[in-house]
Protein backbone atom coordinates (compact mmCIF):
# COMPACT_ATOMS: atom_id res chain seq x y z
CA MET A 1 91.08 99.96 9.85
CA LYS A 2 89.35 96.43 10.71
CA LEU A 3 89.50 95.00 14.03
CA VAL A 4 89.96 91.07 13.41
CA ILE A 5 88.44 89.07 16.34
CA ALA A 6 88.92 85.44 17.11
CA ALA A 7 86.06 83.48 19.09
CA VAL A 8 85.29 80.19 20.50
CA ALA A 9 83.18 78.31 22.79
CA ASP A 10 83.15 74.56 23.97
CA ILE A 11 86.65 73.45 23.54
CA HIS A 12 85.67 71.28 26.66
CA CYS A 13 89.52 70.58 26.87
CA PRO A 14 90.77 67.74 26.49
CA LYS A 15 87.57 66.68 24.57
CA TYR A 16 88.07 68.77 21.45
CA PHE A 17 91.38 69.94 22.20
CA ASP A 18 93.08 68.46 18.90
CA LEU A 19 90.12 70.06 16.88
CA PHE A 20 90.96 73.26 18.46
CA LYS A 21 94.63 73.17 17.88
CA ASN A 22 93.96 72.20 14.10
CA ALA A 23 91.36 75.07 14.06
CA LEU A 24 93.88 77.55 15.26
CA LYS A 25 96.38 76.76 12.23
CA GLU A 26 93.66 78.30 9.80
CA ILE A 27 93.22 81.53 11.23
CA PRO A 28 94.86 84.96 10.54
CA THR A 29 96.63 86.75 13.47
CA PRO A 30 93.69 88.18 15.45
CA ASP A 31 93.51 91.67 17.16
CA LEU A 32 91.68 89.80 20.15
CA PHE A 33 90.83 86.40 21.36
CA LEU A 34 87.72 85.30 23.03
CA LEU A 35 86.70 82.40 24.87
CA VAL A 36 82.91 82.05 25.35
CA GLY A 37 82.53 79.38 27.99
CA ASP A 38 83.12 75.47 28.53
CA THR A 39 86.97 75.95 27.63
CA VAL A 40 87.35 72.97 29.99
CA LEU A 41 85.67 69.81 30.47
CA LYS A 42 83.80 69.14 33.96
CA ASN A 43 85.53 71.93 35.85
CA ASP A 44 89.09 70.40 35.06
CA TYR A 45 90.71 73.91 35.16
CA THR A 46 94.22 72.24 34.94
CA GLN A 47 93.55 71.96 31.34
CA LEU A 48 93.61 75.81 30.98
CA SER A 49 97.62 75.63 30.70
CA ASP A 50 96.96 73.50 27.47
CA VAL A 51 94.46 75.90 26.03
CA ILE A 52 96.45 78.82 26.78
CA SER A 53 99.89 77.56 25.35
CA ALA A 54 97.97 76.69 22.04
CA ILE A 55 96.60 80.02 21.93
CA ARG A 56 100.27 81.60 22.35
CA ASN A 57 101.66 79.87 19.53
CA CYS A 58 99.76 82.24 16.95
CA TYR A 59 98.62 85.29 19.42
CA GLU A 60 100.25 87.32 22.01
CA ASN A 61 97.78 89.81 22.99
CA LYS A 62 94.70 89.81 25.31
CA ILE A 63 92.34 86.79 25.94
CA ILE A 64 89.02 87.76 27.42
CA ALA A 65 86.74 84.76 28.63
CA CYS A 66 83.11 84.54 30.16
CA PHE A 67 82.47 81.23 32.27
CA GLY A 68 80.53 78.40 31.11
CA ASN A 69 78.59 75.84 32.68
CA GLU A 70 81.52 73.38 33.01
CA GLU A 71 83.40 76.17 35.03
CA TYR A 72 81.83 75.78 38.24
CA GLU A 73 80.78 78.50 40.77
CA ASP A 74 82.74 77.31 43.47
CA SER A 75 86.06 77.03 41.51
CA LEU A 76 86.28 80.40 40.33
CA MET A 77 89.26 81.65 42.11
CA GLU A 78 91.24 78.84 40.65
CA TYR A 79 90.54 79.88 37.19
CA LYS A 80 91.45 83.61 38.26
CA LYS A 81 94.81 82.12 39.22
CA PHE A 82 95.47 82.03 35.41
CA GLU A 83 95.95 85.69 34.86
CA GLU A 84 96.96 85.48 31.08
CA ILE A 85 92.96 85.45 30.71
CA THR A 86 90.69 88.11 31.84
CA TRP A 87 87.70 86.62 33.31
CA LEU A 88 84.47 88.58 32.86
CA SER A 89 81.76 87.36 35.31
CA ASP A 90 78.66 89.52 34.98
CA GLU A 91 81.51 92.29 34.40
CA SER A 92 82.66 94.49 31.42
CA THR A 93 85.69 96.25 30.27
CA VAL A 94 86.69 98.56 27.69
CA LEU A 95 89.95 98.06 25.60
CA ASP A 96 91.68 100.16 23.26
CA ILE A 97 92.57 98.48 19.86
CA LYS A 98 93.70 100.13 16.93
CA GLY A 99 92.59 103.54 18.03
CA LYS A 100 89.02 102.33 18.81
CA ASN A 101 87.32 101.74 22.01
CA LEU A 102 86.02 98.13 22.42
CA GLY A 103 83.64 97.42 25.17
CA ILE A 104 82.94 93.68 25.92
CA VAL A 105 80.34 92.57 28.62
CA GLY A 106 80.60 88.90 29.67
CA SER A 107 78.55 86.80 31.49
CA ARG A 108 77.46 83.17 31.65
CA GLY A 109 74.08 84.20 30.48
CA SER A 110 70.69 83.28 31.46
CA LEU A 111 68.14 80.52 30.91
CA ASP A 112 64.29 80.68 30.66
CA ARG A 113 63.87 77.27 32.48
CA PRO A 114 66.87 76.10 34.81
CA THR A 115 67.73 72.56 34.12
CA PHE A 116 66.48 69.80 36.08
CA TRP A 117 69.89 69.31 37.66
CA GLN A 118 69.96 72.97 38.70
CA ARG A 119 66.46 73.21 39.66
CA THR A 120 67.07 70.32 42.14
CA ARG A 121 70.37 71.16 43.49
CA VAL A 122 70.58 75.01 42.99
CA ARG A 123 68.35 77.19 45.45
CA GLY A 124 67.08 80.36 44.05
CA ILE A 125 68.62 79.51 40.70
CA GLY A 126 65.72 80.85 38.75
CA GLN A 127 65.84 84.25 40.49
CA VAL A 128 69.76 84.35 39.62
CA TYR A 129 68.73 83.92 35.99
CA LYS A 130 66.26 86.70 36.05
CA HIS A 131 68.49 88.99 37.91
CA ARG A 132 71.52 88.11 35.38
CA ILE A 133 69.25 89.73 32.44
CA GLU A 134 68.90 92.97 34.38
CA VAL A 135 72.67 93.00 35.12
CA ILE A 136 73.77 92.57 31.55
CA ASN A 137 71.08 95.19 30.52
CA SER A 138 72.69 97.69 32.90
CA LEU A 139 76.13 96.83 32.13
CA LEU A 140 75.11 97.75 28.42
CA ALA A 141 73.57 100.66 29.33
CA ASP A 142 76.65 102.02 31.44
CA LEU A 143 79.07 101.12 28.59
CA THR A 144 80.97 103.78 26.75
CA ALA A 145 82.56 102.42 23.49
CA ASN A 146 82.86 102.73 19.85
CA LEU A 147 81.96 99.31 19.43
CA LYS A 148 80.02 97.02 21.84
CA ILE A 149 80.22 93.02 22.35
CA VAL A 150 78.65 90.67 24.54
CA ILE A 151 79.78 87.16 25.29
CA SER A 152 77.83 84.93 27.11
CA HIS A 153 78.11 80.97 27.38
CA TYR A 154 74.21 80.52 27.06
CA ALA A 155 72.27 82.10 23.93
CA PRO A 156 70.17 85.19 24.05
CA THR A 157 67.62 83.84 21.54
CA TYR A 158 66.15 80.59 20.39
CA ARG A 159 67.08 81.42 16.67
CA THR A 160 70.39 80.05 16.76
CA LEU A 161 69.21 76.66 18.43
CA VAL A 162 67.92 75.14 15.36
CA GLY A 163 69.26 71.45 15.43
CA GLU A 164 68.76 71.15 18.99
CA ARG A 165 65.82 69.31 20.22
CA GLU A 166 63.16 72.11 20.57
CA PHE A 167 61.79 70.91 23.71
CA LEU A 168 64.92 71.73 25.51
CA TRP A 169 65.65 75.14 24.02
CA PRO A 170 64.35 76.93 27.37
CA GLU A 171 67.01 75.15 29.18
CA MET A 172 69.79 76.24 26.79
CA ALA A 173 69.12 80.14 26.05
CA SER A 174 66.93 83.13 27.14
CA LYS A 175 64.72 84.53 24.85
CA GLN A 176 63.95 87.11 27.35
CA LEU A 177 67.55 88.51 26.32
CA GLU A 178 66.06 89.50 22.93
CA SER A 179 64.45 92.54 24.63
CA VAL A 180 67.86 93.52 26.05
CA ILE A 181 69.31 93.15 22.54
CA GLU A 182 66.54 95.44 20.80
CA ALA A 183 66.83 98.12 23.59
CA MET A 184 70.62 98.33 23.75
CA GLN A 185 71.60 97.09 20.31
CA PRO A 186 75.26 95.96 20.81
CA ASP A 187 77.22 95.80 17.85
CA LEU A 188 77.96 91.98 18.38
CA TRP A 189 76.72 89.07 20.66
CA LEU A 190 78.70 85.70 20.69
CA HIS A 191 77.53 82.65 22.58
CA GLY A 192 78.24 78.91 23.01
CA HIS A 193 76.60 75.99 24.23
CA ILE A 194 74.89 75.01 20.94
CA HIS A 195 76.69 71.97 19.86
CA ARG A 196 74.35 70.72 17.21
CA GLY A 197 73.31 74.43 16.17
CA THR A 198 72.64 74.73 12.37
CA VAL A 199 72.08 78.66 12.31
CA PRO A 200 75.56 80.02 13.12
CA LYS A 201 74.22 83.80 12.47
CA ILE A 202 71.36 85.88 12.77
CA GLU A 203 70.59 89.74 13.04
CA LEU A 204 68.33 91.24 15.39
CA GLY A 205 68.21 94.95 14.44
CA ASN A 206 71.61 96.17 14.19
CA THR A 207 73.03 93.48 16.60
CA ILE A 208 74.75 90.39 14.90
CA ILE A 209 74.38 87.38 17.01
CA MET A 210 76.79 84.21 16.57
CA ASN A 211 77.04 80.61 17.70
CA VAL A 212 80.84 80.37 18.28
CA SER A 213 80.66 76.61 19.68
CA LEU A 214 83.42 74.68 18.34
CA PRO A 215 81.54 71.40 17.98
CA SER A 216 78.99 73.06 15.76
CA THR A 217 81.02 75.42 13.74
CA LYS A 218 84.44 73.06 13.65
CA LYS A 219 86.57 76.22 13.59
CA ILE A 220 87.64 79.32 15.39
CA THR A 221 85.00 81.98 14.17
CA ILE A 222 86.71 85.00 12.85
CA ILE A 223 84.83 88.27 12.81
CA GLU A 224 86.15 91.57 11.20
CA LEU A 225 84.38 94.87 12.61
């Protein structure tokens, strides 16, 4: 029996909210809905109510999400007040759906080179990103499930960054995560953040990697497993 997963990143509500609502009208009823970061614009967590309401018009079950760079670290408790969303911040969960164990790891992800803003304002950010790679690897190693999925806002490879300015790729993704993918071989890795991406899907070994950024795809990405 197939599992139908709906996934989207970079709604940046209210910026792309109309596009999001229209895209929801085109999808089948999924078994799971994933929000892959930057759900709101510039940390305006009050916009989450509108996003949840729109999803609930077509879907009643679990909503799993990771944080993006527009969901600020010092406001995480405000996001977690929206209890209809299960937030994964360098964490994992296992769901039973249609008789299958579905393991999900959620993280902001990592960057090979912190942005100028991060380098100048966030002490130790380079070490944070290095440690996060280790954490994701550990979470996958400990995950026991029939199907394994990772959601990270930042991309785990440069291969889906085509369309963005190449000199910025290290500030949009972590190529170092490719070694984690090669070693752990999760079934699916979903990311966002790449608004201008022209390569929506690649395969690395047995792992499918997909860019589900709404500005790039202009749709809710539907995956059948």
